[in-house]
Amino acid sequence: MKKTQSWMLYAGLLVLFWGVWGAFSSLPTTRYGYPDEMVYVIWSLTMIIPAAFILARQKFDRRPAAAGYGLLIGFSGAGGQLVLFKALALGPAYLIFPIISISPAITVLLAIGFLRERLTRLAVIGLVAVMISLLLFSVTSGSGESGSGPWLPLALLVCIAWGVQAFFMRKAATIAVNEATTFAWMAVSGLALVPVAIWMMGGLPAGAPWQAPALTASTQILNAIGALFLVMALSRGKASVVAPITNALAPSLTIVISLLVYQTLPTIYGVIAIVLALGGSTLMVYSDEKRGEGGDDPSLTAEASDRRLAHPT
């Protein structure tokens, strides 16, 4: 399978798993009042399953550099989750999520600045469309909440953390850190923050019906497997292309599923966001595929060129 086709496959699987997860992830809280922090605890446990799966197929990289990148990726992602819970307790979700949704812009800027990735003209147009769609997804007509407050720096911190996480996933691939090693460290980092989540709750919740943890586990396993697909997509494709596409298309699928399951109609912002996400993502994928067919990649750096010579495919 060609490299371009490979990242597209895993990005598509990521969109599928995260799109379905997004549509049903709030059920444990809305239906049973299950604490968000407890959802984090169960999510961290579900990460063990895909970690064991990929570790059975790839050798764990014991290099210190691999551990360093793995911990940076893991703690930036898991830490962002915990900070998000605190932000949502202090401020309105419809203002917080649009801020977090621009995290791919940070990934793109870091990839262009430090990995010297370049975008074609078509890809730039697609990127702009996708970024606009990300800002529109969570916009609602609510206006009764304060536009700023203590939640604002927390939301910005989550945005930065998740943008940096995706960049380091791609950076780890440039030194040939395999997916198993990266994901294993992500799972370890998530588990390491479980005591913090329990402390934030004031202890483990008592009296929750068995359906709450069961439903949480069944939805969060989709989240965990999707995270593995993100690692695999970013190890094969450009961070400046993969991150915006996956962050735009997963909410699109979530809206479509919600429309079918909950019989709810998207707002006009949601409709525009879906159109921009699909159109922009198509342009970026088409541009990246044509670049691959053209042979030489003008964005290829000397470091990447040396890596291809050392690890021919």
Protein backbone atom coordinates (compact mmCIF):
# COMPACT_ATOMS: atom_id res chain seq x y z
CA MET A 1 0.00 0.00 0.00
CA LYS A 2 1.33 3.44 -0.93
CA LYS A 3 2.20 5.80 1.91
CA THR A 4 -0.50 8.29 0.86
CA GLN A 5 -3.17 5.60 0.73
CA SER A 6 -1.98 4.23 4.07
CA TRP A 7 -2.49 7.43 6.06
CA MET A 8 -5.84 7.97 4.35
CA LEU A 9 -7.01 4.53 5.52
CA TYR A 10 -6.10 5.15 9.15
CA ALA A 11 -7.41 8.71 9.08
CA GLY A 12 -10.70 7.37 7.71
CA LEU A 13 -10.91 4.76 10.48
CA LEU A 14 -10.14 7.48 13.02
CA VAL A 15 -12.99 9.63 11.72
CA LEU A 16 -15.34 6.62 11.90
CA PHE A 17 -14.44 5.67 15.47
CA TRP A 18 -14.28 9.21 16.84
CA GLY A 19 -17.41 10.23 14.94
CA VAL A 20 -19.43 7.41 16.56
CA TRP A 21 -17.80 8.01 19.95
CA GLY A 22 -18.65 11.70 19.80
CA ALA A 23 -22.32 10.98 19.18
CA PHE A 24 -22.69 8.75 22.25
CA SER A 25 -19.91 9.88 24.63
CA SER A 26 -22.15 12.14 26.72
CA LEU A 27 -24.75 9.44 27.50
CA PRO A 28 -23.20 8.23 30.79
CA THR A 29 -23.25 11.77 32.16
CA THR A 30 -26.60 12.92 30.80
CA ARG A 31 -28.45 9.67 31.49
CA TYR A 32 -26.86 8.55 34.78
CA GLY A 33 -25.09 11.63 36.11
CA TYR A 34 -21.72 9.88 35.88
CA PRO A 35 -18.84 12.25 36.73
CA ASP A 36 -16.67 13.40 33.82
CA GLU A 37 -13.56 12.54 35.81
CA MET A 38 -14.77 8.96 36.16
CA VAL A 39 -15.23 8.86 32.40
CA TYR A 40 -11.55 9.80 32.18
CA VAL A 41 -10.59 6.97 34.55
CA ILE A 42 -12.43 4.39 32.45
CA TRP A 43 -11.02 5.86 29.23
CA SER A 44 -7.49 5.43 30.59
CA LEU A 45 -8.25 1.77 31.31
CA THR A 46 -9.63 1.17 27.82
CA MET A 47 -6.35 2.47 26.38
CA ILE A 48 -4.73 -0.76 27.60
CA ILE A 49 -6.65 -2.82 25.00
CA PRO A 50 -5.36 -1.18 21.78
CA ALA A 51 -1.94 -0.78 23.44
CA ALA A 52 -1.73 -4.55 24.00
CA PHE A 53 -2.93 -5.17 20.44
CA ILE A 54 -0.30 -3.01 18.76
CA LEU A 55 2.49 -4.12 21.11
CA ALA A 56 1.83 -7.72 20.08
CA ARG A 57 2.65 -6.71 16.49
CA GLN A 58 5.50 -4.24 16.89
CA LYS A 59 8.59 -4.28 19.07
CA PHE A 60 8.74 -1.75 21.90
CA ASP A 61 11.40 0.90 21.26
CA ARG A 62 13.59 1.26 24.37
CA ARG A 63 15.55 4.30 23.19
CA PRO A 64 15.51 7.27 25.58
CA ALA A 65 14.39 9.53 22.72
CA ALA A 66 11.39 7.27 22.09
CA ALA A 67 10.46 7.42 25.78
CA GLY A 68 10.84 11.19 25.77
CA TYR A 69 8.53 11.70 22.80
CA GLY A 70 6.11 9.11 24.14
CA LEU A 71 5.77 10.87 27.47
CA LEU A 72 5.40 14.28 25.81
CA ILE A 73 2.63 12.89 23.62
CA GLY A 74 0.95 11.02 26.45
CA PHE A 75 0.93 13.73 29.10
CA SER A 76 -0.04 16.50 26.66
CA GLY A 77 -3.06 14.45 25.57
CA ALA A 78 -4.11 13.08 28.96
CA GLY A 79 -3.37 16.36 30.73
CA GLY A 80 -5.49 18.17 28.18
CA GLN A 81 -8.40 15.87 29.01
CA LEU A 82 -8.21 16.68 32.72
CA VAL A 83 -7.89 20.42 32.14
CA LEU A 84 -10.90 20.24 29.81
CA PHE A 85 -13.05 18.80 32.59
CA LYS A 86 -12.11 21.72 34.84
CA ALA A 87 -12.78 24.26 32.10
CA LEU A 88 -16.24 22.81 31.43
CA ALA A 89 -17.06 23.13 35.13
CA LEU A 90 -16.29 26.85 35.01
CA GLY A 91 -17.53 28.01 31.60
CA PRO A 92 -19.94 27.38 28.71
CA ALA A 93 -19.20 24.44 26.42
CA TYR A 94 -20.36 26.36 23.34
CA LEU A 95 -17.54 28.87 23.88
CA ILE A 96 -14.90 26.41 25.09
CA PHE A 97 -15.07 23.88 22.26
CA PRO A 98 -14.63 26.38 19.41
CA ILE A 99 -11.39 27.49 21.08
CA ILE A 100 -10.16 23.91 21.49
CA SER A 101 -11.18 23.01 17.95
CA ILE A 102 -8.48 25.25 16.47
CA SER A 103 -5.73 23.04 17.91
CA PRO A 104 -4.89 21.73 14.39
CA ALA A 105 -3.75 25.26 13.53
CA ILE A 106 -1.05 24.93 16.18
CA THR A 107 -0.07 21.54 14.78
CA VAL A 108 0.14 22.97 11.27
CA LEU A 109 2.24 25.96 12.35
CA LEU A 110 4.63 23.74 14.30
CA ALA A 111 4.92 21.27 11.40
CA ILE A 112 5.65 24.04 8.91
CA GLY A 113 8.06 25.80 11.26
CA PHE A 114 10.00 22.84 12.67
CA LEU A 115 9.44 19.97 10.23
CA ARG A 116 9.51 22.29 7.20
CA GLU A 117 6.36 20.74 5.77
CA ARG A 118 4.91 22.65 2.85
CA LEU A 119 1.39 22.91 1.50
CA THR A 120 0.36 23.26 -2.11
CA ARG A 121 -2.00 26.03 -3.16
CA LEU A 122 -4.97 23.64 -3.22
CA ALA A 123 -4.04 22.33 0.21
CA VAL A 124 -3.88 25.89 1.61
CA ILE A 125 -7.39 26.59 0.30
CA GLY A 126 -8.57 23.33 1.82
CA LEU A 127 -6.86 24.13 5.12
CA VAL A 128 -8.57 27.52 5.36
CA ALA A 129 -11.96 25.90 4.69
CA VAL A 130 -11.33 23.22 7.31
CA MET A 131 -10.23 25.75 9.93
CA ILE A 132 -13.37 27.81 9.36
CA SER A 133 -15.46 24.65 9.70
CA LEU A 134 -13.79 23.81 13.02
CA LEU A 135 -14.76 27.20 14.41
CA LEU A 136 -18.36 26.77 13.28
CA PHE A 137 -19.02 23.27 14.63
CA SER A 138 -19.65 24.23 18.24
CA VAL A 139 -21.15 27.68 17.69
CA THR A 140 -24.66 27.96 19.10
CA SER A 141 -27.17 30.74 19.44
CA GLY A 142 -26.69 30.95 23.22
CA SER A 143 -25.66 34.36 24.45
CA GLY A 144 -26.40 34.35 28.17
CA GLU A 145 -22.93 33.25 29.29
CA SER A 146 -19.97 35.46 29.91
CA GLY A 147 -17.56 35.71 27.00
CA SER A 148 -14.53 35.47 29.28
CA GLY A 149 -13.62 34.18 32.68
CA PRO A 150 -11.34 31.74 34.52
CA TRP A 151 -12.25 29.01 31.99
CA LEU A 152 -10.66 30.95 29.12
CA PRO A 153 -6.96 30.30 29.94
CA LEU A 154 -7.84 26.66 30.64
CA ALA A 155 -9.49 26.28 27.23
CA LEU A 156 -6.46 27.88 25.58
CA LEU A 157 -4.21 25.47 27.49
CA VAL A 158 -6.17 22.45 26.19
CA CYS A 159 -5.99 23.84 22.66
CA ILE A 160 -2.22 24.24 22.91
CA ALA A 161 -1.73 20.83 24.57
CA TRP A 162 -3.63 18.92 21.89
CA GLY A 163 -2.01 20.85 19.06
CA VAL A 164 1.43 20.10 20.50
CA GLN A 165 0.48 16.45 21.02
CA ALA A 166 -0.30 15.93 17.33
CA PHE A 167 2.95 17.66 16.36
CA PHE A 168 5.03 15.42 18.61
CA MET A 169 3.29 12.36 17.16
CA ARG A 170 4.55 13.38 13.75
CA LYS A 171 7.95 14.37 15.14
CA ALA A 172 8.36 10.96 16.78
CA ALA A 173 7.82 9.35 13.38
CA THR A 174 10.76 11.32 11.95
CA ILE A 175 13.14 9.42 14.24
CA ALA A 176 11.49 6.10 13.39
CA VAL A 177 9.59 5.63 16.67
CA ASN A 178 6.97 3.04 15.82
CA GLU A 179 3.27 3.30 16.61
CA ALA A 180 3.39 0.66 19.36
CA THR A 181 5.96 2.60 21.37
CA THR A 182 4.17 5.93 21.02
CA PHE A 183 0.79 4.48 21.94
CA ALA A 184 2.18 2.46 24.85
CA TRP A 185 3.56 5.63 26.41
CA MET A 186 0.21 7.35 25.79
CA ALA A 187 -1.53 4.58 27.73
CA VAL A 188 1.01 4.79 30.56
CA SER A 189 0.62 8.57 30.78
CA GLY A 190 -3.17 8.31 30.88
CA LEU A 191 -3.04 5.80 33.73
CA ALA A 192 -0.50 7.91 35.61
CA LEU A 193 -3.03 10.76 35.85
CA VAL A 194 -5.84 8.57 37.23
CA PRO A 195 -5.05 9.55 40.86
CA VAL A 196 -5.38 13.21 39.84
CA ALA A 197 -8.82 12.53 38.32
CA ILE A 198 -9.95 10.71 41.46
CA TRP A 199 -8.69 13.62 43.59
CA MET A 200 -10.66 16.06 41.42
CA MET A 201 -13.80 14.00 42.11
CA GLY A 202 -13.14 13.89 45.85
CA GLY A 203 -13.00 10.09 45.73
CA LEU A 204 -14.63 7.32 43.74
CA PRO A 205 -18.39 7.84 43.22
CA ALA A 206 -20.73 5.60 45.15
CA GLY A 207 -24.17 4.40 44.15
CA ALA A 208 -23.77 4.66 40.38
CA PRO A 209 -25.80 2.00 38.51
CA TRP A 210 -23.81 -0.66 36.68
CA GLN A 211 -25.07 0.70 33.37
CA ALA A 212 -23.03 3.90 33.85
CA PRO A 213 -19.54 2.31 33.81
CA ALA A 214 -20.64 -0.24 31.22
CA LEU A 215 -21.90 2.43 28.85
CA THR A 216 -18.81 4.52 29.51
CA ALA A 217 -16.49 1.63 28.68
CA SER A 218 -18.36 0.76 25.49
CA THR A 219 -18.06 4.34 24.20
CA GLN A 220 -14.57 5.10 25.45
CA ILE A 221 -13.09 2.01 23.76
CA LEU A 222 -14.01 3.73 20.48
CA ASN A 223 -12.10 6.79 21.70
CA ALA A 224 -9.06 4.68 22.61
CA ILE A 225 -8.96 2.77 19.32
CA GLY A 226 -9.42 6.04 17.44
CA ALA A 227 -6.39 7.44 19.28
CA LEU A 228 -4.33 4.50 17.96
CA PHE A 229 -5.49 5.26 14.43
CA LEU A 230 -4.44 8.89 14.95
CA VAL A 231 -0.93 7.77 15.86
CA MET A 232 -0.81 5.51 12.81
CA ALA A 233 -2.11 8.21 10.47
CA LEU A 234 0.32 10.85 11.74
CA SER A 235 3.26 8.46 11.46
CA ARG A 236 2.53 8.06 7.75
CA GLY A 237 1.10 11.39 6.62
CA LYS A 238 1.82 15.09 6.99
CA ALA A 239 0.75 16.60 10.32
CA SER A 240 -0.30 19.72 8.40
CA VAL A 241 -2.80 17.60 6.45
CA VAL A 242 -3.83 14.80 8.82
CA ALA A 243 -4.61 16.92 11.91
CA PRO A 244 -7.05 19.38 10.25
CA ILE A 245 -8.82 16.64 8.27
CA THR A 246 -9.46 14.34 11.20
CA ASN A 247 -10.50 17.19 13.50
CA ALA A 248 -13.03 18.41 10.93
CA LEU A 249 -14.53 15.18 9.62
CA ALA A 250 -15.07 13.45 12.98
CA PRO A 251 -17.48 16.19 14.17
CA SER A 252 -19.20 16.01 10.77
CA LEU A 253 -19.91 12.31 11.28
CA THR A 254 -21.00 12.98 14.86
CA ILE A 255 -23.57 15.50 13.64
CA VAL A 256 -24.87 13.11 10.99
CA ILE A 257 -25.23 10.26 13.52
CA SER A 258 -26.89 12.58 16.03
CA LEU A 259 -29.31 13.65 13.29
CA LEU A 260 -30.26 10.02 12.64
CA VAL A 261 -30.34 8.75 16.23
CA TYR A 262 -31.61 11.73 18.22
CA GLN A 263 -33.80 13.21 15.47
CA THR A 264 -32.14 16.60 15.86
CA LEU A 265 -31.37 19.03 13.08
CA PRO A 266 -28.00 20.82 12.88
CA THR A 267 -27.94 24.60 13.03
CA ILE A 268 -27.13 26.62 9.94
CA TYR A 269 -23.60 26.87 11.34
CA GLY A 270 -23.44 23.09 11.51
CA VAL A 271 -24.55 22.72 7.91
CA ILE A 272 -21.99 25.23 6.68
CA ALA A 273 -19.31 23.54 8.81
CA ILE A 274 -20.04 20.12 7.29
CA VAL A 275 -19.86 21.49 3.75
CA LEU A 276 -16.59 23.30 4.47
CA ALA A 277 -15.11 20.27 6.24
CA LEU A 278 -15.94 17.88 3.43
CA GLY A 279 -14.85 20.29 0.70
CA GLY A 280 -11.66 21.40 2.43
CA SER A 281 -10.66 17.86 3.40
CA THR A 282 -11.24 16.65 -0.14
CA LEU A 283 -8.96 19.38 -1.50
CA MET A 284 -6.22 18.53 1.00
CA VAL A 285 -6.40 14.79 0.33
CA TYR A 286 -6.47 15.33 -3.44
CA SER A 287 -3.49 17.68 -3.22
CA ASP A 288 -1.48 15.25 -1.10
CA GLU A 289 -2.34 12.31 -3.40
CA LYS A 290 -1.33 14.25 -6.54
CA ARG A 291 1.92 15.24 -4.83
CA GLY A 292 2.63 11.55 -4.19
CA GLU A 293 1.90 10.63 -7.81
CA GLY A 294 4.23 13.36 -9.01
CA GLY A 295 7.29 11.59 -7.63
CA ASP A 296 9.55 14.13 -5.93
CA ASP A 297 7.99 15.88 -2.96
CA PRO A 298 9.01 19.55 -2.86
CA SER A 299 8.39 19.64 0.89
CA LEU A 300 10.77 16.79 1.58
CA THR A 301 13.49 17.89 3.97
CA ALA A 302 17.05 16.67 4.04
CA GLU A 303 16.25 14.83 7.27
CA ALA A 304 13.30 13.02 5.72
CA SER A 305 15.32 12.24 2.60
CA ASP A 306 18.07 10.65 4.66
CA ARG A 307 15.49 8.66 6.56
CA ARG A 308 14.04 7.24 3.36
CA LEU A 309 17.49 6.20 2.20
CA ALA A 310 18.14 4.51 5.52
CA HIS A 311 14.72 2.80 5.62
CA PRO A 312 13.69 2.11 1.99
CA THR A 313 10.12 0.97 1.41
